N, C-alpha and C. Protein backbone atom coordinates (compact mmCIF):
# COMPACT_ATOMS: atom_id res chain seq x y z
N UNK A 1 0.79 -1.31 -0.04
CA UNK A 1 -0.24 0.43 -0.02
C UNK A 1 0.70 1.09 -0.06
N UNK A 2 0.91 2.06 -1.19
CA UNK A 2 1.72 3.17 -1.25
C UNK A 2 0.88 4.70 -1.12
N UNK A 3 -0.25 4.39 -0.69
CA UNK A 3 -1.31 5.34 -0.72
C UNK A 3 -1.24 6.44 0.64
N UNK A 4 -0.36 6.29 1.43
CA UNK A 4 0.12 7.33 2.74
C UNK A 4 1.56 7.08 2.18
N UNK A 5 1.57 8.71 3.45
CA UNK A 5 3.13 9.08 3.10
C UNK A 5 4.04 8.27 3.74
N UNK A 6 3.22 7.92 4.78
CA UNK A 6 4.54 6.91 5.57
C UNK A 6 4.91 5.49 5.19
N UNK A 7 3.65 4.53 4.42
CA UNK A 7 4.21 3.99 3.25
C UNK A 7 5.41 3.96 2.48
N UNK A 8 5.01 5.17 1.79
CA UNK A 8 5.86 5.77 0.74
C UNK A 8 7.39 5.80 1.30
N UNK A 9 7.45 6.43 2.61
CA UNK A 9 8.84 7.04 3.61
C UNK A 9 9.40 5.60 3.36
N UNK A 10 8.43 4.55 4.44
CA UNK A 10 9.05 3.01 4.14
C UNK A 10 9.95 2.77 3.00
N UNK A 11 9.11 3.06 1.92
CA UNK A 11 9.83 2.31 1.21
C UNK A 11 11.30 3.09 0.14
N UNK A 12 11.17 3.96 0.48
CA UNK A 12 12.08 4.80 -0.26
C UNK A 12 13.43 4.76 0.87
N UNK A 13 12.95 4.79 2.19
CA UNK A 13 13.93 4.73 3.08
C UNK A 13 14.61 3.31 3.34
N UNK A 14 13.73 1.99 3.47
CA UNK A 14 13.99 0.95 3.95
C UNK A 14 13.81 -0.28 2.88
N UNK A 15 12.89 0.25 1.67
CA UNK A 15 13.02 -1.15 1.07
C UNK A 15 13.37 -1.04 -0.90
N UNK A 16 13.72 0.04 -0.88
CA UNK A 16 14.04 0.35 -2.28
C UNK A 16 15.47 0.19 -2.72
N UNK A 17 15.93 -0.45 -3.99
CA UNK A 17 17.07 -0.13 -4.10
C UNK A 17 17.49 -0.02 -5.74
N UNK A 18 16.63 0.91 -5.98
CA UNK A 18 17.26 1.80 -7.38
C UNK A 18 17.25 2.62 -6.36
N UNK A 19 18.04 3.62 -7.06
CA UNK A 19 18.87 5.31 -6.25
C UNK A 19 18.86 5.75 -7.56
N UNK A 20 17.75 6.64 -8.46
CA UNK A 20 17.76 7.38 -9.49
C UNK A 20 18.45 8.91 -9.64
N UNK A 21 19.10 9.08 -10.81
CA UNK A 21 20.12 10.16 -10.85
C UNK A 21 19.95 10.62 -12.25
N UNK A 22 19.97 12.14 -12.14
CA UNK A 22 20.66 12.73 -13.32
C UNK A 22 22.04 12.40 -13.46
N UNK A 23 21.83 10.81 -14.50
CA UNK A 23 23.23 10.59 -15.07
C UNK A 23 23.88 9.95 -13.60
N UNK A 24 24.63 8.95 -14.60
CA UNK A 24 25.76 7.95 -13.76
C UNK A 24 27.18 9.17 -12.99
N UNK A 25 27.29 9.53 -13.82
CA UNK A 25 28.43 10.46 -13.30
C UNK A 25 28.24 11.18 -12.32
N UNK A 26 26.92 11.72 -12.07
CA UNK A 26 26.35 12.41 -10.60
C UNK A 26 26.95 11.43 -9.21
N UNK A 27 26.42 10.16 -9.99
CA UNK A 27 26.75 9.38 -8.75
C UNK A 27 28.01 8.96 -8.32
N UNK A 28 28.56 8.82 -9.13
CA UNK A 28 29.95 8.50 -9.24
C UNK A 28 30.69 9.80 -8.33
N UNK A 29 30.35 10.98 -8.50
CA UNK A 29 30.46 12.02 -7.81
C UNK A 29 29.94 12.41 -6.41
N UNK A 30 29.07 11.91 -6.20
CA UNK A 30 28.49 11.38 -4.75
C UNK A 30 29.18 10.86 -4.15
N UNK A 31 29.56 9.25 -4.69
CA UNK A 31 29.92 8.68 -4.17
C UNK A 31 31.65 9.01 -3.36
N UNK A 32 32.28 10.00 -4.31
CA UNK A 32 32.95 10.37 -4.03
C UNK A 32 33.01 11.38 -2.55
N UNK A 33 31.95 12.27 -2.56
CA UNK A 33 31.55 13.02 -1.74
C UNK A 33 31.09 12.97 -0.59
N UNK A 34 30.40 11.67 -0.74
CA UNK A 34 29.55 11.10 0.39
C UNK A 34 30.88 10.33 1.24
N UNK A 35 31.62 9.48 0.71
CA UNK A 35 32.68 8.89 1.43
C UNK A 35 33.50 9.19 1.62
N UNK A 36 34.03 10.48 1.28
CA UNK A 36 35.54 11.05 1.24
C UNK A 36 35.79 12.50 1.70
N UNK A 37 34.09 12.95 1.85
CA UNK A 37 34.23 14.58 2.45
C UNK A 37 34.86 14.76 3.82
N UNK A 38 34.50 13.96 4.70
CA UNK A 38 35.48 13.78 6.48
C UNK A 38 36.86 12.83 6.00
N UNK A 39 37.71 12.81 4.52
CA UNK A 39 38.84 12.08 4.36
C UNK A 39 38.65 11.03 4.64
N UNK A 40 40.17 10.08 4.28
CA UNK A 40 39.97 8.63 3.75
C UNK A 40 40.71 8.73 2.54
N UNK A 41 40.69 7.22 2.21
CA UNK A 41 41.42 7.06 0.43
C UNK A 41 40.42 6.29 -0.19
N UNK A 42 40.47 6.49 -1.33
CA UNK A 42 39.80 6.04 -2.74
C UNK A 42 40.76 5.07 -3.58
N UNK A 43 40.52 4.00 -3.73
CA UNK A 43 42.11 3.37 -4.43
C UNK A 43 40.85 2.58 -6.14
N UNK A 44 41.56 3.09 -7.19
CA UNK A 44 41.22 3.12 -8.60
C UNK A 44 41.94 2.31 -9.12
N UNK A 45 41.88 1.42 -10.20
CA UNK A 45 42.52 0.96 -11.35
C UNK A 45 43.35 2.20 -12.54
N UNK A 46 44.52 2.04 -13.14
CA UNK A 46 45.01 2.81 -13.50
C UNK A 46 45.29 2.22 -14.82
N UNK A 47 45.28 2.39 -15.88
CA UNK A 47 44.34 3.33 -17.22
C UNK A 47 43.24 2.75 -16.76
N UNK A 48 41.86 3.84 -16.21
CA UNK A 48 40.62 3.26 -15.90
C UNK A 48 40.01 4.23 -16.19
N UNK A 49 38.20 4.38 -15.63
CA UNK A 49 37.47 5.86 -15.95
C UNK A 49 37.94 6.94 -14.98
N UNK A 50 38.60 6.56 -13.86
CA UNK A 50 39.06 7.35 -12.87
C UNK A 50 38.34 8.44 -12.81
N UNK A 51 36.82 8.56 -12.78
CA UNK A 51 36.43 9.98 -12.11
C UNK A 51 36.13 10.22 -11.05
N UNK A 52 35.99 9.24 -10.47
CA UNK A 52 35.96 9.20 -8.99
C UNK A 52 36.96 9.33 -8.34
N UNK A 53 37.83 8.67 -8.60
CA UNK A 53 39.52 9.13 -8.50
C UNK A 53 39.72 11.06 -8.74
N UNK A 54 39.56 11.43 -9.71
CA UNK A 54 39.64 12.82 -10.01
C UNK A 54 38.60 13.78 -8.79
N UNK A 55 37.65 13.09 -9.02
CA UNK A 55 36.91 13.70 -7.51
C UNK A 55 37.70 13.94 -6.22
N UNK A 56 38.03 12.68 -6.06
CA UNK A 56 39.39 12.54 -4.86
C UNK A 56 40.24 13.37 -4.97
N UNK A 57 40.96 13.68 -5.82
CA UNK A 57 41.84 15.03 -5.83
C UNK A 57 41.45 16.10 -6.41
N UNK A 58 40.42 16.33 -6.53
CA UNK A 58 39.72 17.86 -6.11
C UNK A 58 39.12 17.94 -4.43
N UNK A 59 38.96 17.34 -4.02
CA UNK A 59 38.68 17.22 -2.99
C UNK A 59 40.03 17.36 -1.34
N UNK A 60 41.42 17.06 -2.25
CA UNK A 60 42.21 17.20 -2.00
C UNK A 60 43.19 18.79 -2.13
N UNK A 61 42.86 18.74 -3.46
CA UNK A 61 43.87 19.82 -3.87
C UNK A 61 43.28 21.07 -3.56
N UNK A 62 41.63 20.84 -3.94
CA UNK A 62 40.97 22.47 -3.83
C UNK A 62 40.41 22.55 -2.27
N UNK A 63 39.75 21.45 -1.94
CA UNK A 63 39.20 22.16 -1.08
C UNK A 63 40.11 21.53 0.30
N UNK A 64 41.33 21.23 0.03
CA UNK A 64 42.68 20.62 1.41
C UNK A 64 41.64 19.53 2.30
N UNK A 65 41.20 18.78 1.88
CA UNK A 65 40.60 17.49 2.46
C UNK A 65 41.86 16.62 2.57
N UNK A 66 41.38 15.57 3.50
CA UNK A 66 42.67 15.03 4.06
C UNK A 66 42.20 13.47 3.27
N UNK A 67 42.28 13.81 1.85
CA UNK A 67 42.00 12.28 1.03
C UNK A 67 43.34 11.95 0.29
N UNK A 68 43.20 10.63 0.20
CA UNK A 68 43.89 10.19 -0.50
C UNK A 68 44.04 9.41 -1.54
N UNK A 69 44.45 9.56 -2.65
CA UNK A 69 44.11 8.94 -4.04
C UNK A 69 45.19 7.71 -4.21
N UNK A 70 44.66 6.74 -4.23
CA UNK A 70 45.81 5.23 -4.92
C UNK A 70 45.19 4.76 -5.78
N UNK A 71 46.05 5.08 -7.24
CA UNK A 71 45.76 3.98 -8.57
C UNK A 71 46.80 2.86 -8.80
N UNK A 72 45.97 1.83 -8.85
CA UNK A 72 46.57 0.61 -9.07
C UNK A 72 46.79 0.20 -10.74
N UNK A 73 48.00 0.28 -10.74
CA UNK A 73 48.30 -0.34 -12.54
C UNK A 73 47.51 -1.70 -12.70
N UNK A 74 46.98 -1.77 -13.97
CA UNK A 74 46.67 -3.10 -14.25
C UNK A 74 47.53 -3.54 -14.67
N UNK A 75 47.08 -5.09 -14.09
CA UNK A 75 48.22 -6.14 -14.98
C UNK A 75 48.24 -6.10 -15.98
N UNK A 76 49.15 -6.94 -16.55
CA UNK A 76 49.77 -6.78 -18.12
C UNK A 76 49.13 -7.19 -19.17
N UNK A 77 47.89 -8.02 -18.75
CA UNK A 77 47.03 -8.03 -19.83
C UNK A 77 45.67 -7.29 -20.16
N UNK A 78 46.04 -6.34 -19.17
CA UNK A 78 45.47 -4.94 -19.24
C UNK A 78 43.73 -5.08 -18.14
N UNK A 79 43.84 -6.20 -17.18
CA UNK A 79 43.12 -6.29 -16.52
C UNK A 79 42.84 -5.57 -14.90
N UNK A 80 42.01 -5.85 -14.22
CA UNK A 80 42.08 -5.24 -12.60
C UNK A 80 42.79 -5.99 -11.93
N UNK A 81 43.74 -5.61 -11.59
CA UNK A 81 44.67 -6.32 -10.67
C UNK A 81 44.58 -6.22 -8.91
N UNK A 82 43.11 -7.36 -8.96
CA UNK A 82 42.53 -7.50 -7.58
C UNK A 82 43.55 -7.68 -6.30
N UNK A 83 44.66 -8.57 -6.84
CA UNK A 83 45.06 -8.79 -5.41
C UNK A 83 45.95 -7.48 -4.99
N UNK A 84 46.57 -7.00 -6.08
CA UNK A 84 47.03 -5.49 -5.95
C UNK A 84 45.98 -4.41 -5.45
N UNK A 85 44.92 -4.46 -5.55
CA UNK A 85 44.06 -3.48 -5.27
C UNK A 85 44.37 -4.12 -3.55
N UNK A 86 43.46 -5.30 -3.39
CA UNK A 86 43.36 -6.09 -2.04
C UNK A 86 44.74 -5.57 -0.90
N UNK A 87 45.40 -5.33 -1.57
CA UNK A 87 46.38 -5.43 -0.80
C UNK A 87 47.38 -3.70 -0.50
N UNK A 88 46.50 -2.78 -1.49
CA UNK A 88 46.54 -1.48 -1.21
C UNK A 88 46.15 -1.01 -0.25
N UNK A 89 44.97 -1.67 0.40
CA UNK A 89 43.57 -1.47 1.45
C UNK A 89 44.71 -1.00 2.50
N UNK A 90 43.53 -0.14 3.65
CA UNK A 90 44.50 0.31 4.82
C UNK A 90 43.50 0.94 5.30
N UNK A 91 43.44 1.06 6.39
CA UNK A 91 42.14 1.61 7.41
C UNK A 91 41.82 2.89 7.34
N UNK A 92 42.54 3.52 6.30
CA UNK A 92 42.01 4.59 5.99
C UNK A 92 41.16 4.84 4.33
N UNK A 93 40.91 3.43 4.09
CA UNK A 93 40.61 2.91 2.76
C UNK A 93 39.05 3.39 2.66
N UNK A 94 38.38 3.97 2.38
CA UNK A 94 36.72 3.95 2.35
C UNK A 94 35.95 4.14 0.66
N UNK A 95 36.64 3.68 0.16
CA UNK A 95 36.14 3.63 -1.20
C UNK A 95 36.90 2.89 -2.16
N UNK A 96 36.77 1.56 -2.80
CA UNK A 96 37.33 0.89 -3.74
C UNK A 96 36.09 1.01 -5.16
N UNK A 97 36.80 1.04 -6.14
CA UNK A 97 36.25 1.44 -7.80
C UNK A 97 36.05 0.28 -8.97
N UNK A 98 35.47 -0.42 -9.36
CA UNK A 98 36.09 -1.63 -10.31
C UNK A 98 35.08 -1.34 -11.20
N UNK A 99 36.21 -0.53 -12.47
CA UNK A 99 35.14 -0.20 -13.72
C UNK A 99 34.75 -1.65 -14.69
N UNK A 100 33.54 -2.12 -14.69
CA UNK A 100 33.56 -3.60 -15.28
C UNK A 100 32.04 -3.72 -15.92
N UNK A 101 32.82 -3.75 -17.58
CA UNK A 101 33.71 -3.59 -18.15
C UNK A 101 34.62 -2.61 -17.74
N UNK A 102 35.75 -2.45 -17.87
CA UNK A 102 37.02 -1.46 -17.32
C UNK A 102 36.87 -0.76 -18.82
N UNK A 103 36.53 0.61 -18.81
CA UNK A 103 37.23 2.32 -19.81
C UNK A 103 38.68 2.51 -19.41
N UNK A 104 39.34 2.10 -19.99
CA UNK A 104 39.19 2.36 -21.50
C UNK A 104 39.51 0.69 -22.42
N UNK A 105 39.90 -0.28 -21.41
CA UNK A 105 40.31 -1.15 -21.85
C UNK A 105 39.38 -2.27 -22.25
N UNK A 106 38.12 -2.50 -21.93
CA UNK A 106 37.32 -3.07 -22.58
C UNK A 106 37.60 -4.22 -22.38
N UNK A 107 38.21 -4.83 -20.80
CA UNK A 107 38.67 -5.76 -20.56
C UNK A 107 38.03 -6.14 -19.25
N UNK A 108 37.49 -7.41 -18.64
CA UNK A 108 36.09 -7.50 -17.22
C UNK A 108 37.42 -8.86 -16.63
N UNK A 109 36.47 -8.00 -15.24
CA UNK A 109 36.46 -8.68 -13.77
C UNK A 109 35.79 -10.21 -13.84
N UNK A 110 35.89 -11.54 -13.92
CA UNK A 110 34.64 -12.37 -13.65
C UNK A 110 34.31 -12.12 -12.41
N UNK A 111 32.78 -12.68 -12.57
CA UNK A 111 31.92 -12.21 -11.36
C UNK A 111 32.25 -13.21 -10.36
N UNK A 112 32.98 -14.34 -10.02
CA UNK A 112 33.62 -15.41 -8.67
C UNK A 112 34.39 -14.50 -8.28
N UNK A 113 35.84 -13.70 -9.37
CA UNK A 113 36.88 -12.85 -8.63
C UNK A 113 36.32 -11.94 -8.11
N UNK A 114 34.89 -11.19 -8.61
CA UNK A 114 34.86 -10.03 -7.91
C UNK A 114 34.17 -10.31 -6.81
N UNK A 115 33.60 -11.17 -6.40
CA UNK A 115 32.42 -11.74 -5.10
C UNK A 115 33.76 -12.16 -4.30
N UNK A 116 35.22 -12.95 -4.45
CA UNK A 116 35.98 -13.13 -3.39
C UNK A 116 36.54 -11.58 -2.97
N UNK A 117 36.76 -10.62 -4.36
CA UNK A 117 37.24 -9.64 -3.42
C UNK A 117 36.07 -8.73 -2.45
N UNK A 118 34.61 -8.25 -2.92
CA UNK A 118 34.18 -7.97 -2.37
C UNK A 118 33.87 -8.57 -0.70
N UNK A 119 33.80 -10.13 -0.71
CA UNK A 119 33.98 -10.68 0.73
C UNK A 119 35.33 -10.12 1.21
N UNK A 120 36.21 -9.96 0.64
CA UNK A 120 37.48 -9.64 1.13
C UNK A 120 38.16 -8.70 2.15
N UNK A 121 36.89 -7.42 1.14
CA UNK A 121 36.80 -6.16 2.47
C UNK A 121 37.09 -5.78 3.28
N UNK A 122 37.12 -5.04 4.34
CA UNK A 122 36.92 -4.88 5.70
C UNK A 122 35.56 -4.28 5.61
N UNK A 123 34.85 -4.02 6.80
CA UNK A 123 34.02 -3.53 7.03
C UNK A 123 33.15 -1.87 6.34
N UNK A 124 34.51 -0.98 6.52
CA UNK A 124 34.83 0.25 6.94
C UNK A 124 35.39 0.86 4.91
N UNK A 125 34.88 -0.56 4.25
CA UNK A 125 35.27 0.00 2.90
C UNK A 125 34.08 -0.44 2.01
N UNK A 126 33.74 0.41 1.00
CA UNK A 126 32.57 0.17 -0.06
C UNK A 126 33.25 0.07 -1.39
N UNK A 127 32.34 -0.95 -1.44
CA UNK A 127 33.29 -1.16 -3.61
C UNK A 127 32.16 -0.69 -4.39
N UNK A 128 32.18 0.48 -5.21
CA UNK A 128 31.50 0.61 -6.17
C UNK A 128 31.90 -0.28 -7.34
N UNK A 129 31.17 -0.72 -7.80
CA UNK A 129 31.27 -1.32 -9.18
C UNK A 129 30.22 -0.81 -10.76
N UNK A 130 30.81 0.23 -11.36
CA UNK A 130 30.20 1.32 -12.77
C UNK A 130 30.46 -0.33 -14.05
N UNK A 131 29.09 -0.43 -13.67
CA UNK A 131 28.70 -1.41 -15.34
C UNK A 131 28.22 -0.77 -15.97
N UNK A 132 28.29 0.43 -16.92
CA UNK A 132 28.41 1.82 -17.79
C UNK A 132 27.95 0.32 -19.12
N UNK A 133 28.76 -0.16 -18.80
CA UNK A 133 29.17 -0.91 -20.80
C UNK A 133 28.89 -2.19 -20.70
N UNK A 134 28.32 -2.83 -19.65
CA UNK A 134 27.25 -3.99 -18.94
C UNK A 134 27.00 -4.47 -20.28
N UNK A 135 26.18 -3.79 -21.45
CA UNK A 135 25.22 -4.60 -22.12
C UNK A 135 26.03 -4.81 -23.70
N UNK A 136 27.41 -4.90 -23.41
CA UNK A 136 28.11 -4.93 -24.51
C UNK A 136 28.94 -5.95 -24.50
N UNK A 137 28.80 -6.63 -22.85
CA UNK A 137 29.83 -7.50 -22.89
C UNK A 137 29.22 -8.58 -23.60
N UNK A 138 30.11 -9.44 -24.30
CA UNK A 138 29.82 -10.55 -25.46
C UNK A 138 30.52 -12.19 -24.76
N UNK A 139 30.97 -12.00 -23.20
CA UNK A 139 32.05 -13.17 -22.61
C UNK A 139 30.66 -14.34 -22.04
N UNK A 140 30.93 -15.44 -22.50
CA UNK A 140 29.94 -16.51 -21.88
C UNK A 140 29.92 -16.44 -20.42
N UNK A 141 28.72 -16.64 -19.99
CA UNK A 141 28.70 -16.80 -18.28
C UNK A 141 28.96 -15.25 -17.38
N UNK A 142 29.22 -14.19 -18.16
CA UNK A 142 29.31 -12.82 -17.57
C UNK A 142 28.24 -12.77 -16.98
N UNK A 143 28.52 -12.11 -15.43
CA UNK A 143 27.34 -11.83 -14.40
C UNK A 143 27.47 -10.74 -14.09
N UNK A 144 26.39 -9.65 -13.59
CA UNK A 144 25.98 -8.46 -13.13
C UNK A 144 26.26 -8.70 -11.54
N UNK A 145 27.09 -7.64 -10.99
CA UNK A 145 26.75 -7.90 -9.50
C UNK A 145 25.45 -7.11 -8.68
N UNK A 146 24.61 -6.72 -9.12
CA UNK A 146 23.57 -6.50 -8.84
C UNK A 146 22.76 -7.14 -8.06
N UNK A 147 22.85 -8.35 -7.70
CA UNK A 147 22.00 -9.27 -6.82
C UNK A 147 23.18 -9.06 -5.89
N UNK A 148 24.22 -8.81 -5.44
CA UNK A 148 25.03 -8.47 -4.20
C UNK A 148 24.77 -7.47 -3.69
N UNK A 149 24.14 -6.20 -4.68
CA UNK A 149 23.91 -5.18 -4.43
C UNK A 149 22.84 -4.95 -3.33
N UNK A 150 22.38 -5.46 -4.17
CA UNK A 150 20.98 -5.48 -2.92
C UNK A 150 20.75 -5.90 -2.11
N UNK A 151 21.43 -6.97 -1.65
CA UNK A 151 21.33 -8.14 -0.62
C UNK A 151 22.41 -8.03 0.61
N UNK A 152 23.21 -6.85 0.25
CA UNK A 152 23.90 -6.64 1.61
C UNK A 152 24.74 -5.12 1.30
N UNK A 153 24.78 -4.37 2.90
CA UNK A 153 25.32 -3.12 2.15
C UNK A 153 27.21 -2.98 1.35
N UNK A 154 27.10 -1.78 1.81
CA UNK A 154 28.91 -0.84 1.48
C UNK A 154 29.20 -1.79 -0.40
N UNK A 155 28.53 -2.26 -0.92
CA UNK A 155 28.32 -2.34 -2.59
C UNK A 155 27.21 -1.75 -2.95
N UNK A 156 27.67 -1.33 -4.04
CA UNK A 156 26.43 -0.56 -5.02
C UNK A 156 27.44 -0.66 -6.55
N UNK A 157 26.03 -0.69 -7.66
CA UNK A 157 26.39 -0.88 -8.86
C UNK A 157 25.98 0.17 -9.54
N UNK A 158 26.84 1.15 -10.27
CA UNK A 158 25.92 1.97 -11.13
C UNK A 158 25.89 1.72 -12.63
N UNK A 159 24.77 2.66 -13.02
CA UNK A 159 24.17 1.92 -14.68
C UNK A 159 23.99 3.48 -15.35
N UNK A 160 23.42 3.22 -16.14
CA UNK A 160 23.67 4.45 -17.52
C UNK A 160 22.36 4.71 -18.32
N UNK A 161 21.82 5.27 -18.68
CA UNK A 161 21.38 4.92 -20.34
C UNK A 161 21.78 5.74 -21.31
N UNK A 162 23.02 6.16 -20.78
CA UNK A 162 23.94 6.92 -21.94
C UNK A 162 24.84 6.22 -22.90
N UNK A 163 24.65 4.73 -23.04
CA UNK A 163 25.54 3.87 -23.94
C UNK A 163 24.04 3.24 -24.75
N UNK A 164 24.14 1.73 -24.13
CA UNK A 164 23.72 0.89 -25.11
C UNK A 164 21.98 1.83 -25.49
N UNK A 165 21.00 2.53 -24.46
CA UNK A 165 20.37 2.99 -25.31
C UNK A 165 20.49 4.43 -25.83
N UNK A 166 21.18 5.20 -25.55
CA UNK A 166 21.41 5.97 -26.94
C UNK A 166 21.34 7.46 -26.10
N UNK A 167 21.16 7.80 -24.58
CA UNK A 167 19.95 8.72 -23.66
C UNK A 167 21.06 9.43 -23.26
N UNK A 168 22.91 10.01 -23.53
CA UNK A 168 23.29 10.90 -22.67
C UNK A 168 23.06 12.10 -22.52
N UNK A 169 21.77 12.84 -23.40
CA UNK A 169 22.02 14.26 -23.56
C UNK A 169 20.23 14.59 -22.28
N UNK A 170 19.82 13.64 -22.45
CA UNK A 170 18.95 13.39 -21.32
C UNK A 170 19.45 12.97 -19.49
N UNK A 171 20.12 12.83 -19.58
CA UNK A 171 20.99 12.61 -18.26
C UNK A 171 20.38 11.70 -17.06
N UNK A 172 20.27 10.09 -17.47
CA UNK A 172 19.83 9.22 -16.69
C UNK A 172 20.25 8.31 -16.41
N UNK A 173 20.21 8.19 -14.96
CA UNK A 173 21.37 6.88 -14.35
C UNK A 173 21.08 6.17 -12.87
N UNK A 174 20.97 5.39 -12.64
CA UNK A 174 21.15 4.88 -11.42
C UNK A 174 21.68 3.92 -10.82
N UNK A 175 21.64 3.70 -9.35
CA UNK A 175 22.58 2.78 -8.12
C UNK A 175 21.58 2.15 -8.41
N UNK A 176 21.88 0.65 -7.62
CA UNK A 176 21.61 -0.52 -7.73
C UNK A 176 22.32 -0.82 -6.01
N UNK A 177 21.48 -0.76 -4.88
CA UNK A 177 22.03 -1.22 -3.80
C UNK A 177 21.19 -1.05 -2.88
N UNK A 178 21.31 -1.38 -1.52
CA UNK A 178 20.71 -0.64 -0.28
C UNK A 178 20.69 0.54 0.15
N UNK A 179 19.34 0.73 0.76
CA UNK A 179 19.56 2.31 0.83
C UNK A 179 20.62 3.07 1.57
N UNK A 180 21.03 2.12 2.67
CA UNK A 180 22.05 3.01 3.52
C UNK A 180 23.29 2.96 3.13
N UNK A 181 23.46 2.62 1.73
CA UNK A 181 24.90 2.21 0.65
C UNK A 181 24.63 3.77 0.24
N UNK A 182 23.61 4.50 -0.23
CA UNK A 182 23.50 5.98 -0.85
C UNK A 182 22.76 6.85 0.31
N UNK A 183 22.80 6.37 1.34
CA UNK A 183 21.99 7.43 2.29
C UNK A 183 22.23 8.90 2.30
N UNK A 184 23.45 9.28 2.01
CA UNK A 184 24.02 10.98 1.78
C UNK A 184 23.98 11.53 0.14
N UNK A 185 23.68 10.35 -0.49
CA UNK A 185 23.76 10.91 -2.10
C UNK A 185 22.98 11.76 -2.80
N UNK A 186 21.55 11.72 -1.31
CA UNK A 186 20.74 12.65 -2.58
C UNK A 186 21.13 14.27 -2.58
N UNK A 187 21.93 14.17 -1.34
CA UNK A 187 22.78 15.88 -1.30
C UNK A 187 23.09 16.46 -2.48
N UNK A 188 24.15 15.27 -3.51
CA UNK A 188 24.95 15.78 -4.53
C UNK A 188 24.66 15.15 -5.84
N UNK A 189 23.07 14.61 -5.85
CA UNK A 189 22.77 14.33 -7.24
C UNK A 189 20.73 14.72 -7.08
N UNK A 190 20.23 14.97 -8.32
CA UNK A 190 19.03 15.34 -8.99
C UNK A 190 18.15 14.16 -9.39
N UNK A 191 17.32 14.11 -9.30
CA UNK A 191 16.21 13.16 -9.93
C UNK A 191 16.03 13.78 -11.44
N UNK A 192 16.02 12.35 -11.85
CA UNK A 192 15.71 12.91 -13.67
C UNK A 192 14.74 14.05 -14.02
N UNK A 193 14.69 14.31 -14.90
CA UNK A 193 13.37 15.22 -15.67
C UNK A 193 12.57 14.56 -15.84
N UNK A 194 11.21 15.09 -15.83
CA UNK A 194 9.69 14.43 -16.17
C UNK A 194 9.92 13.64 -17.59
N UNK A 195 10.76 14.65 -18.30
CA UNK A 195 11.25 14.31 -20.07
C UNK A 195 11.69 13.12 -19.92
N UNK A 196 12.80 13.11 -18.76
CA UNK A 196 14.10 12.11 -19.06
C UNK A 196 13.43 11.11 -18.82
N UNK A 197 12.65 10.96 -17.64
CA UNK A 197 12.02 9.29 -17.04
C UNK A 197 11.27 8.82 -18.40
N UNK A 198 10.51 9.90 -18.72
CA UNK A 198 9.53 9.85 -19.94
C UNK A 198 10.34 8.56 -21.16
N UNK A 199 11.64 9.44 -21.67
CA UNK A 199 12.14 9.17 -22.74
C UNK A 199 13.15 7.57 -22.18
N UNK A 200 13.42 7.62 -21.22
CA UNK A 200 14.41 6.40 -20.70
C UNK A 200 13.14 5.04 -20.60
N UNK A 201 11.97 5.16 -20.22
CA UNK A 201 10.88 4.67 -20.33
C UNK A 201 10.44 3.77 -21.63
N UNK A 202 10.66 4.31 -22.63
CA UNK A 202 10.36 4.04 -23.90
C UNK A 202 11.43 3.65 -24.53
N UNK A 203 12.86 3.95 -23.82
CA UNK A 203 14.29 3.37 -24.30
C UNK A 203 13.88 1.49 -23.71
N UNK A 204 13.74 1.75 -22.60
CA UNK A 204 13.94 0.56 -22.02
C UNK A 204 13.40 -0.95 -23.07
N UNK A 205 12.34 -0.45 -23.41
CA UNK A 205 11.28 -1.03 -24.46
C UNK A 205 11.58 -1.07 -25.71
N UNK A 206 12.50 -0.39 -25.97
CA UNK A 206 12.70 -0.25 -27.30
C UNK A 206 13.96 -1.54 -27.99
N UNK A 207 13.44 -2.53 -27.54
CA UNK A 207 14.39 -3.38 -28.32
C UNK A 207 14.99 -3.55 -29.63
N UNK A 208 14.58 -3.21 -30.34
CA UNK A 208 15.19 -2.88 -31.73
C UNK A 208 16.17 -2.04 -31.93
N UNK A 209 16.41 -1.19 -31.11
CA UNK A 209 17.60 -0.34 -31.22
C UNK A 209 18.53 -0.85 -30.14
N UNK A 210 18.09 -1.48 -29.45
CA UNK A 210 19.30 -1.66 -27.86
C UNK A 210 19.99 -3.06 -29.18
N UNK A 211 19.36 -4.20 -29.58
CA UNK A 211 19.68 -4.90 -30.65
C UNK A 211 20.67 -4.35 -31.28
N UNK A 212 20.06 -3.53 -32.31
CA UNK A 212 21.13 -3.01 -33.46
C UNK A 212 22.19 -2.43 -32.66
N UNK A 213 22.25 -1.75 -31.63
CA UNK A 213 23.68 -0.79 -31.05
C UNK A 213 24.57 -2.00 -30.59
N UNK A 214 23.95 -2.85 -30.06
CA UNK A 214 24.21 -4.11 -29.97
C UNK A 214 25.89 -4.67 -30.85
N UNK A 215 24.83 -4.92 -32.04
CA UNK A 215 25.41 -5.26 -33.24
C UNK A 215 26.36 -4.05 -33.92
N UNK A 216 25.94 -3.64 -34.03
CA UNK A 216 26.93 -2.60 -34.23
C UNK A 216 28.42 -2.37 -33.79
N UNK A 217 28.05 -2.45 -32.42
CA UNK A 217 29.29 -2.03 -31.02
C UNK A 217 29.92 -3.41 -31.65
N UNK A 218 29.87 -4.51 -31.98
CA UNK A 218 30.39 -5.81 -31.99
C UNK A 218 30.83 -5.99 -33.05
N UNK A 219 30.37 -5.76 -34.38
CA UNK A 219 30.71 -5.88 -35.39
C UNK A 219 31.63 -4.98 -35.82
N UNK A 220 32.08 -3.26 -35.00
CA UNK A 220 32.80 -3.05 -35.17
C UNK A 220 34.28 -2.93 -34.77
N UNK A 221 34.06 -3.60 -33.17
CA UNK A 221 35.23 -3.94 -32.83
C UNK A 221 35.60 -5.48 -33.29
N UNK A 222 35.11 -6.04 -34.29
CA UNK A 222 35.93 -7.15 -34.56
C UNK A 222 36.51 -6.55 -36.08
């Protein structure tokens, strides 16, 4: 029953697992701000998308926050070096970012390896898994981490409608996670506009466009 305001509040604050935003880029900014504003360390692979790390640099250099940015080189085959990232975690680490598939290398972290990595993290560390390019994965058996994110705290998956759906200008993104994981994100993000929501809803149902985009990307990549 969502007719009463109290029921709506319970849904959004306790049961909802989708946090909408005006683009997934603002979710990455919100993660940096929410988890690092009071200081701490962020760990991210290099080369990688690096937006969260760049916000960490901004907090340190421009705002004078006690933030440490640790960039861990990819392995020789251009994949996330999870063992090196695990060893880099300290008591000051607050956020670890895994872009999967990675941008710009296009490599992926297998689901089993990523689950083990998440399980190895101490309670003071949140793992952000950016799945912006998940719709272009062709490796058999690849799985999202969304089901993990909705079942346990300190794990969040970010997605966007800017890639396979082709809606970058409308600014629609979302995080998949437990409410407590993004409890302060609303300070740094806005809800997508009504026009964006209508466009996103239509895009989700436009299977022909999705398949055509996926095929074009795969053919071009080959």
